[in-house]
Every structure is written in structure tokens, then in C-alpha cells.
Protein backbone atom coordinates (compact mmCIF):
# COMPACT_ATOMS: atom_id res chain seq x y z
CA UNK A 1 84.91 140.76 141.06
CA UNK A 2 88.40 139.40 141.91
CA UNK A 3 90.98 139.36 139.13
CA UNK A 4 91.47 136.12 137.31
CA UNK A 5 94.49 134.23 138.59
CA UNK A 6 97.21 132.78 136.38
CA UNK A 7 97.20 129.09 137.42
CA UNK A 8 99.37 126.30 136.05
CA UNK A 9 99.52 122.62 137.01
CA UNK A 10 102.80 120.75 136.91
CA UNK A 11 103.18 116.97 137.05
CA UNK A 12 106.53 115.21 136.98
CA UNK A 13 107.62 111.58 137.20
CA UNK A 14 110.94 109.77 137.01
CA UNK A 15 113.67 107.94 138.89
CA UNK A 16 113.89 109.04 142.52
CA UNK A 17 116.98 110.91 143.67
CA UNK A 18 117.81 113.38 146.46
CA UNK A 19 117.00 117.04 145.84
CA UNK A 20 114.20 116.73 143.26
CA UNK A 21 111.60 118.63 145.29
CA UNK A 22 114.15 121.33 146.09
CA UNK A 23 115.05 121.89 142.44
CA UNK A 24 111.41 122.05 141.35
CA UNK A 25 110.44 124.43 144.15
CA UNK A 26 113.46 126.65 143.49
CA UNK A 27 112.53 126.96 139.82
CA UNK A 28 108.96 127.92 140.72
CA UNK A 29 110.23 130.51 143.21
CA UNK A 30 112.63 132.01 140.65
CA UNK A 31 109.66 132.53 138.30
CA UNK A 32 107.72 134.26 141.13
CA UNK A 33 105.24 131.40 141.47
CA UNK A 34 103.31 130.52 144.62
CA UNK A 35 102.66 126.80 145.18
CA UNK A 36 98.99 126.41 146.18
CA UNK A 37 98.86 122.62 146.37
CA UNK A 38 101.39 119.81 146.17
CA UNK A 39 101.40 116.04 146.48
CA UNK A 40 104.58 114.01 146.19
CA UNK A 41 105.22 110.25 146.38
CA UNK A 42 108.13 107.86 146.14
CA UNK A 43 107.19 104.26 145.30
CA UNK A 44 109.52 101.44 144.33
CA UNK A 45 112.28 103.82 143.33
CA UNK A 46 110.00 106.08 141.29
CA UNK A 47 109.33 109.73 142.10
CA UNK A 48 106.11 111.58 141.25
CA UNK A 49 104.86 115.04 142.12
CA UNK A 50 101.83 117.16 141.30
CA UNK A 51 101.64 120.91 141.92
CA UNK A 52 99.14 123.70 141.36
CA UNK A 53 101.00 127.01 141.06
CA UNK A 54 99.74 130.59 141.07
CA UNK A 55 101.84 132.72 138.72
CA UNK A 56 99.71 135.87 138.97
CA UNK A 57 102.74 137.82 140.25
CA UNK A 58 104.93 136.65 137.37
CA UNK A 59 105.68 139.05 134.53
CA UNK A 60 105.85 136.35 131.85
CA UNK A 61 102.87 135.14 129.86
CA UNK A 62 101.43 131.71 130.49
CA UNK A 63 103.05 130.44 127.29
CA UNK A 64 106.47 131.73 128.39
CA UNK A 65 106.04 130.23 131.87
CA UNK A 66 105.16 126.88 130.34
CA UNK A 67 108.33 127.00 128.23
CA UNK A 68 110.51 128.00 131.19
CA UNK A 69 109.06 125.33 133.46
CA UNK A 70 109.91 122.76 130.81
CA UNK A 71 113.56 123.33 131.74
CA UNK A 72 112.83 121.23 134.85
CA UNK A 73 112.94 118.19 132.58
CA UNK A 74 116.47 119.05 131.45
CA UNK A 75 117.67 119.80 134.99
CA UNK A 76 116.20 116.74 136.72
CA UNK A 77 115.61 114.11 134.05
CA UNK A 78 111.94 113.96 135.04
CA UNK A 79 109.15 113.72 132.51
CA UNK A 80 106.87 116.71 132.97
CA UNK A 81 103.33 117.66 132.00
CA UNK A 82 102.49 121.38 132.28
CA UNK A 83 98.93 122.60 131.84
CA UNK A 84 97.27 126.00 131.92
CA UNK A 85 94.30 125.92 134.32
CA UNK A 86 91.06 127.76 133.65
CA UNK A 87 89.89 128.36 137.21
CA UNK A 88 86.36 129.20 136.11
CA UNK A 89 86.01 125.77 134.51
CA UNK A 90 86.98 123.92 137.66
CA UNK A 91 84.19 121.96 139.34
CA UNK A 92 83.97 121.99 143.12
CA UNK A 93 81.57 119.75 145.03
CA UNK A 94 79.36 122.03 147.12
CA UNK A 95 78.44 119.24 149.53
CA UNK A 96 81.09 116.50 149.47
CA UNK A 97 80.41 113.30 151.38
CA UNK A 98 83.67 111.47 151.88
CA UNK A 99 84.07 107.76 152.55
CA UNK A 100 87.22 105.72 153.09
CA UNK A 101 87.24 102.36 151.36
CA UNK A 102 89.81 99.62 152.02
CA UNK A 103 89.95 96.51 149.84
CA UNK A 104 92.27 93.64 150.69
CA UNK A 105 92.80 90.04 149.60
CA UNK A 106 94.91 87.88 147.31
CA UNK A 107 96.13 89.87 144.31
CA UNK A 108 94.53 89.13 140.95
CA UNK A 109 94.05 91.02 137.67
CA UNK A 110 91.04 93.31 137.35
CA UNK A 111 90.42 94.35 140.96
CA UNK A 112 91.14 98.05 140.42
CA UNK A 113 89.32 98.07 137.07
CA UNK A 114 86.13 96.57 138.50
CA UNK A 115 86.04 98.70 141.63
CA UNK A 116 86.75 101.95 139.76
CA UNK A 117 84.02 101.03 137.27
CA UNK A 118 81.65 100.38 140.19
CA UNK A 119 82.20 103.93 141.47
CA UNK A 120 82.11 105.50 138.02
CA UNK A 121 78.70 104.04 137.19
CA UNK A 122 77.33 105.57 140.40
CA UNK A 123 78.88 108.99 139.80
CA UNK A 124 81.17 108.52 142.81
CA UNK A 125 84.45 110.39 142.47
CA UNK A 126 87.70 108.71 143.55
CA UNK A 127 89.78 111.51 145.07
CA UNK A 128 92.78 109.45 146.13
CA UNK A 129 93.92 105.88 145.72
CA UNK A 130 96.86 104.06 147.26
CA UNK A 131 97.80 100.43 146.76
CA UNK A 132 100.25 98.25 148.64
CA UNK A 133 101.20 94.60 148.35
CA UNK A 134 102.83 92.16 150.70
CA UNK A 135 103.70 88.94 148.92
CA UNK A 136 100.50 87.78 147.24
CA UNK A 137 98.35 90.00 149.45
CA UNK A 138 96.78 93.05 147.83
CA UNK A 139 95.59 96.10 149.76
CA UNK A 140 94.05 99.28 148.33
CA UNK A 141 92.81 102.38 150.15
CA UNK A 142 90.54 104.90 148.43
CA UNK A 143 88.99 108.21 149.45
CA UNK A 144 85.74 108.67 147.54
CA UNK A 145 83.16 111.45 147.35
CA UNK A 146 79.56 110.24 147.19
CA UNK A 147 78.16 113.79 147.20
CA UNK A 148 77.08 113.63 143.55
CA UNK A 149 75.36 110.26 143.67
CA UNK A 150 71.77 110.11 142.50
CA UNK A 151 69.80 109.67 145.72
CA UNK A 152 66.90 107.28 145.26
CA UNK A 153 63.69 108.71 146.75
CA UNK A 154 65.86 111.54 148.10
CA UNK A 155 66.99 109.29 150.97
CA UNK A 156 70.77 109.68 151.19
CA UNK A 157 71.25 107.22 154.06
CA UNK A 158 69.33 104.46 152.29
CA UNK A 159 71.18 105.09 149.01
CA UNK A 160 74.60 104.97 150.71
CA UNK A 161 73.65 101.76 152.54
CA UNK A 162 72.55 100.20 149.25
CA UNK A 163 75.84 101.20 147.64
CA UNK A 164 77.74 99.58 150.52
CA UNK A 165 75.82 96.32 150.14
CA UNK A 166 76.50 96.27 146.40
CA UNK A 167 80.21 96.94 146.93
CA UNK A 168 80.40 94.14 149.50
CA UNK A 169 78.79 91.77 147.00
CA UNK A 170 81.23 92.81 144.27
CA UNK A 171 84.22 92.28 146.57
CA UNK A 172 82.86 88.93 147.77
CA UNK A 173 82.59 87.83 144.13
CA UNK A 174 86.31 88.69 143.73
CA UNK A 175 87.17 87.00 147.08
CA UNK A 176 88.23 90.38 148.50
CA UNK A 177 87.62 91.86 151.93
CA UNK A 178 86.26 95.41 152.12
CA UNK A 179 85.66 98.10 154.74
CA UNK A 180 83.64 101.26 154.02
CA UNK A 181 83.67 104.07 156.57
CA UNK A 182 82.34 107.58 156.62
CA UNK A 183 85.36 109.85 156.92
CA UNK A 184 84.03 111.67 159.99
CA UNK A 185 83.74 108.27 161.77
CA UNK A 186 87.27 107.34 160.73
CA UNK A 187 88.77 110.41 162.37
CA UNK A 188 88.54 109.68 166.13
CA UNK A 189 91.57 107.77 167.43
CA UNK A 190 90.60 104.14 167.96
CA UNK A 191 91.71 102.76 171.31
CA UNK A 192 89.88 99.47 171.90
CA UNK A 193 89.48 96.34 169.76
CA UNK A 194 86.84 93.88 170.96
CA UNK A 195 86.39 90.36 169.56
CA UNK A 196 83.50 87.94 169.74
CA UNK A 197 85.60 84.86 170.48
CA UNK A 198 83.27 82.16 169.15
CA UNK A 199 82.89 83.73 165.71
CA UNK A 200 86.39 85.13 165.18
CA UNK A 201 89.25 83.66 167.22
CA UNK A 202 88.19 80.01 167.47
CA UNK A 203 88.32 77.99 164.28
CA UNK A 204 85.19 75.94 163.66
CA UNK A 205 85.63 72.39 164.94
CA UNK A 206 82.80 69.90 165.18
CA UNK A 207 81.61 69.04 168.67
CA UNK A 208 82.16 65.34 168.11
CA UNK A 209 85.76 65.89 166.99
CA UNK A 210 86.62 68.15 169.91
CA UNK A 211 84.96 66.05 172.60
CA UNK A 212 86.33 62.86 171.06
CA UNK A 213 89.90 64.19 171.07
CA UNK A 214 89.57 65.24 174.66
CA UNK A 215 88.39 61.79 175.63
CA UNK A 216 85.19 63.14 177.17
CA UNK A 217 81.72 61.94 176.21
CA UNK A 218 79.52 64.13 178.36
CA UNK A 219 76.25 65.44 176.91
CA UNK A 220 76.59 68.53 179.08
CA UNK A 221 79.82 69.55 177.39
CA UNK A 222 78.35 68.81 173.97
CA UNK A 223 75.35 70.97 174.80
CA UNK A 224 77.52 73.83 176.00
CA UNK A 225 79.59 73.80 172.83
CA UNK A 226 76.46 73.71 170.71
CA UNK A 227 74.92 76.68 172.48
CA UNK A 228 77.53 79.11 171.16
CA UNK A 229 75.95 78.83 167.71
CA UNK A 230 72.36 78.42 168.87
CA UNK A 231 69.85 81.16 168.13
CA UNK A 232 67.39 79.77 170.66
CA UNK A 233 67.34 80.23 174.43
CA UNK A 234 71.06 80.46 175.02
CA UNK A 235 70.73 81.29 178.71
CA UNK A 236 68.67 78.16 179.35
CA UNK A 237 71.14 76.02 177.40
CA UNK A 238 74.05 77.39 179.41
CA UNK A 239 72.32 76.75 182.72
CA UNK A 240 71.33 73.24 181.67
CA UNK A 241 74.89 72.44 180.60
CA UNK A 242 76.25 73.74 183.91
CA UNK A 243 73.72 71.68 185.88
CA UNK A 244 74.73 68.48 184.08
CA UNK A 245 78.34 69.05 185.11
CA UNK A 246 77.46 69.12 188.84
CA UNK A 247 79.78 66.88 190.82
CA UNK A 248 82.56 66.93 188.20
CA UNK A 249 86.03 67.84 189.48
CA UNK A 250 86.98 71.07 187.70
CA UNK A 251 90.48 69.81 186.94
CA UNK A 252 89.03 67.06 184.71
CA UNK A 253 87.85 69.75 182.27
CA UNK A 254 90.97 71.88 182.12
CA UNK A 255 92.64 69.91 179.32
CA UNK A 256 89.66 70.13 176.95
CA UNK A 257 90.53 73.66 175.85
CA UNK A 258 93.92 72.45 174.60
CA UNK A 259 92.16 70.74 171.70
CA UNK A 260 90.42 73.90 170.55
CA UNK A 261 91.89 75.17 167.28
CA UNK A 262 92.48 78.92 167.09
CA UNK A 263 91.90 80.94 163.92
CA UNK A 264 95.18 81.37 161.99
CA UNK A 265 96.85 84.61 163.03
CA UNK A 266 94.76 85.10 166.20
CA UNK A 267 97.62 85.19 168.71
CA UNK A 268 99.82 87.26 166.37
CA UNK A 269 96.98 89.76 165.85
CA UNK A 270 96.53 90.30 169.59
CA UNK A 271 100.29 90.77 170.01
CA UNK A 272 100.49 93.34 167.20
CA UNK A 273 97.41 95.27 168.36
CA UNK A 274 98.86 95.49 171.84
CA UNK A 275 102.25 96.69 170.59
CA UNK A 276 100.43 99.39 168.58
CA UNK A 277 98.84 100.69 171.75
CA UNK A 278 95.33 99.24 171.47
CA UNK A 279 93.45 97.74 174.38
CA UNK A 280 92.16 94.25 173.51
CA UNK A 281 88.91 92.77 174.85
CA UNK A 282 87.60 89.22 174.32
CA UNK A 283 83.94 88.33 174.84
CA UNK A 284 82.72 84.72 174.90
CA UNK A 285 79.68 82.73 175.94
CA UNK A 286 81.83 79.60 176.32
CA UNK A 287 82.83 78.09 179.64
CA UNK A 288 86.24 79.21 180.90
CA UNK A 289 87.89 75.80 180.42
CA UNK A 290 87.34 76.18 176.67
CA UNK A 291 88.65 79.74 176.31
CA UNK A 292 91.76 79.36 178.46
CA UNK A 293 94.11 79.05 175.47
CA UNK A 294 93.08 82.30 173.77
CA UNK A 295 92.41 84.18 177.02
CA UNK A 296 95.97 83.52 178.17
CA UNK A 297 97.47 85.06 175.01
CA UNK A 298 99.87 87.94 175.79
CA UNK A 299 98.24 91.33 175.31
CA UNK A 300 94.65 90.58 176.36
CA UNK A 301 93.36 93.38 178.61
CA UNK A 302 89.76 92.25 179.14
CA UNK A 303 88.47 88.66 178.96
CA UNK A 304 84.87 87.76 179.74
CA UNK A 305 83.41 84.27 179.56
CA UNK A 306 81.20 82.01 181.67
CA UNK A 307 82.71 80.55 184.83
CA UNK A 308 81.41 77.38 186.44
CA UNK A 309 80.93 77.67 190.19
CA UNK A 310 83.12 75.39 192.34
CA UNK A 311 82.92 74.35 195.96
CA UNK A 312 85.88 74.46 198.34
CA UNK A 313 87.10 71.08 197.06
CA UNK A 314 87.20 72.19 193.43
CA UNK A 315 84.07 70.29 192.47
CA UNK A 316 81.51 71.92 190.17
CA UNK A 317 78.23 72.85 191.87
CA UNK A 318 76.16 72.88 188.69
CA UNK A 319 75.69 76.65 188.73
CA UNK A 320 77.20 79.57 186.81
CA UNK A 321 78.92 82.53 188.41
CA UNK A 322 77.57 86.01 187.67
CA UNK A 323 77.58 87.72 185.27
CA UNK A 324 76.34 85.13 182.79
CA UNK A 325 77.61 86.00 179.32
CA UNK A 326 75.19 85.46 176.44
CA UNK A 327 74.87 86.98 172.99
CA UNK A 328 72.31 89.36 174.49
CA UNK A 329 74.53 90.57 177.35
CA UNK A 330 77.77 91.13 175.41
CA UNK A 331 76.71 94.68 174.58
CA UNK A 332 76.35 95.41 178.31
CA UNK A 333 79.85 94.04 178.89
CA UNK A 334 81.17 96.29 176.12
CA UNK A 335 79.48 99.29 177.77
CA UNK A 336 81.26 98.40 181.02
CA UNK A 337 84.66 98.24 179.28
CA UNK A 338 84.05 101.54 177.47
CA UNK A 339 83.11 103.20 180.76
CA UNK A 340 86.13 101.73 182.51
CA UNK A 341 88.46 102.99 179.75
CA UNK A 342 86.69 106.38 179.67
CA UNK A 343 86.39 106.34 175.89
CA UNK A 344 83.56 106.87 173.39
CA UNK A 345 81.92 104.15 171.31
CA UNK A 346 83.38 105.83 168.21
CA UNK A 347 86.83 104.77 169.48
CA UNK A 348 85.94 101.06 169.44
CA UNK A 349 86.67 98.52 166.71
CA UNK A 350 84.36 95.50 167.08
CA UNK A 351 84.88 92.19 165.29
CA UNK A 352 82.36 89.36 164.98
CA UNK A 353 80.64 87.46 162.19
CA UNK A 354 77.97 90.12 161.67
CA UNK A 355 75.09 87.82 162.58
CA UNK A 356 72.43 88.54 165.19
CA UNK A 357 74.57 86.83 167.81
CA UNK A 358 77.12 89.67 167.50
CA UNK A 359 74.77 92.63 167.62
CA UNK A 360 77.22 94.41 169.96
CA UNK A 361 79.00 95.39 166.71
CA UNK A 362 76.41 98.12 166.16
CA UNK A 363 77.05 101.75 167.12
CA UNK A 364 80.84 101.52 167.32
CA UNK A 365 83.53 103.40 165.43
CA UNK A 366 84.34 100.49 163.11
CA UNK A 367 82.54 97.15 162.82
CA UNK A 368 84.02 94.25 160.87
CA UNK A 369 82.38 90.92 160.06
CA UNK A 370 84.87 88.05 159.91
CA UNK A 371 83.95 85.36 157.37
CA UNK A 372 80.19 86.06 157.51
CA UNK A 373 77.80 83.57 155.92
CA UNK A 374 76.63 86.35 153.58
CA UNK A 375 78.34 89.59 152.52
CA UNK A 376 75.12 91.52 153.18
CA UNK A 377 75.72 92.07 156.88
CA UNK A 378 75.11 95.32 158.73
CA UNK A 379 78.76 96.13 159.40
CA UNK A 380 81.25 98.65 158.04
CA UNK A 381 83.39 95.92 156.56
CA UNK A 382 83.68 92.27 155.65
CA UNK A 383 86.89 90.24 156.06
CA UNK A 384 86.68 87.13 153.88
CA UNK A 385 90.25 85.93 154.50
CA UNK A 386 90.71 82.88 156.73
CA UNK A 387 93.68 84.64 158.41
CA UNK A 388 92.27 87.09 160.92
CA UNK A 389 95.51 89.08 161.24
CA UNK A 390 94.68 90.49 157.77
CA UNK A 391 92.17 92.67 159.60
CA UNK A 392 95.09 95.04 160.20
CA UNK A 393 94.84 96.14 156.56
CA UNK A 394 91.21 97.16 157.16
CA UNK A 395 91.88 99.41 160.14
CA UNK A 396 93.39 102.41 158.38
CA UNK A 397 96.87 101.72 159.79
CA UNK A 398 99.61 103.32 157.64
CA UNK A 399 101.66 100.94 155.44
CA UNK A 400 104.88 102.10 157.09
CA UNK A 401 103.53 100.98 160.47
CA UNK A 402 102.40 97.58 159.17
CA UNK A 403 105.79 96.94 157.61
CA UNK A 404 107.29 96.83 161.12
CA UNK A 405 105.47 93.57 161.83
CA UNK A 406 105.56 90.07 160.39
CA UNK A 407 102.18 88.36 160.14
């Protein structure tokens, strides 16, 4: 049986200044201590550090070591807490199941209290927590271990899914967005972000308002706009709309897209994603004259929508060019992009509204529902904010990286 080690934990907090870590480490070394674990942070001018130290090689007793380590307070001005650790009493999870949880939204009292209580009541351990704020925007990232949850009917997958739905409901009640990912899914480097245009990048505008502003009163255009939110036979609706436009000069339709209102932050989000090294793909069932504004945004790598066939004189023939993009074929388009980029599905971030029309969100590395009608959608996360650029807080991007951008 191995000899019992002489372990001590040391926590210190105070005003940040150069050389604090050096002075603490030098003191530990002088006492013949070996630092087993350390975590140090500087936030808003405050310094904090936590260490676990093995003093088995030290000649002094634990009581003497505790007294000598207290000198760190005199030398640095830090407040210290020094504790003798009984290694045999420590509890290690034999089968940890880690998840990464990101919560973001407008700051308000009680968010941390309610979320930590949610995990506590389910015997979920919060292993790390980091909060950041930008103006009124609140963002919190947690690493939690669900390994000790009580598994209903012994079905771990079903229990975890139920926990996710309940957390989404809690966050929706607090008007917060939330993303929950298994840690092993979070690990692969994400390379592609794909958007369902109709449900994320185009702000909802009534058909009458849009067509009226454009000065066009064509039932075919009204039908085409309506089909993007239709759960019926979308292919038939698209073909019917195209047929009704037969004989129309294509240039008469080009200005209609100018009246389409984009979701706040859409263009900025594409720009930032591109500057971070992501490839950006846009998928839409709309006709090309409607998507021109967002498709022409700088940074778009792939843009798929429906194109109306024209004759040599620029007059619409009433047919659609292949491939015809519907809610059912968007997943095939995503497969093509993934193959072309030579990446895995785990490296894709997909954004839609989480409804059946955006089922291409399934089986990707990270799926996010933007302003879904209900928080109980089958996605990793829910973004309730009306500014889509806030999705950056849900992607696991370090705070230091986000601070480089204004959005």
C-alpha cells in the first residue's frame, strides 16, 4: 500500500500585480513542495490562484507548513486560505460525463443562482464556471459532470435529453439563450457554419408588406414567399410559382430583394465568422432575386437558392434550374459542401429555427435553433436573442477572441 501523501491546498486572492505567481511558487519550492495542480486567474484587476501541493518530501509537520505558508500573505498582501487535505476522503467520479453549457442574454439578477440550483437538484456537479459581460449582455460558460445523475429507467441518453429540455425551458423563462454540448463533441475544430436563410438571416416581413413596397402585385411572387414557411408540398408550390412568372423579364424582379429586411447582426456575423477562419454556407428555398442582398454579403463561401430559368433575352421560362432547393433537399446540399471541404459532420455548426423545415441541423457538431417557436427543439442550443450575432457567445469562442470584434 503506497504511503500516505502530505497534501495541502492553498488559495489566495487580492489585487493583481506582477510577480505574484513567482513569489508563491518560490515559497513552495523553498519548503520542498511539489505543485500537483494550479489554476490562476486575473479578472478586473483582481488576482486569484488555487494550488494543490504535495509536501511529502518536506521535513516540517503539516501544522508547521501551514504556518510557514501563511507568510505568503505578509509578502504579497494576498488573502490566503490553507487547508490540510485528507486524500482518502477525496471523492473521484469513476465515470464522469462532461458537458459544456453556455448561457447568454441580457444580464439580470438570479441567473447564476437559478442555474446552479437546477444542477444541484439533479446531482450534477459544476466543475468550472466562467462569466463575462459586454455592456448589458451576460455570458456564462460552465463545465458540468452529469456522471452522478440518477438515470431514470437506467437510460442515460433519455435522462440527459430530458435534462437538456428542462434547462432550455428554464433559460427561456429567464429570456436567456443556452447551448448544451457533450464535451467529446465540442473538441473537434469547427470549420463550417451553415445557415438556413429563411429562418435565421431574413427578418420576418409579411408578404403583403414586402410585395406592396416593391410595387408588385403578382400572385406567383406571393405564393413563392409563402412557400418558405409552408409545411405542405413545397416542391409543387415552388414549381407553380415559377410557372406563373413565365414571360416576366427577369430584371423586373431584381429590385424586390432590396425590400427584404435582414436579421439584426446578420452581415456583421458573416464578416466576423469569416475573419475567424470559418467557411460560411447559406441555404435557401427562396428565389435568387429575394436572396441577393444576403448572398452578396462579404465572406459567404457557399450560397444555394432556387434560380428561375431565363431564355436568351432574359425572360423567365416558367421553370426552375436544377438543383431545386427545398427543406427536404438542404441536407443533401450540406453533404455536398462537407464533401467538397473534406471535413466531418462533427466540424459543422448548423443554424436554423429547429423546426422540421430545418432537419439538416441533425447529426452535426453543433446545432443551434434561432428564435424557435418553442424551447423544446431537438438542437444543442437555443438562441432567443433577436440579434443573431450573439450566436458567437454560444460557439465556445474564447472571450479574448470575441473582444477583438465589435458587434
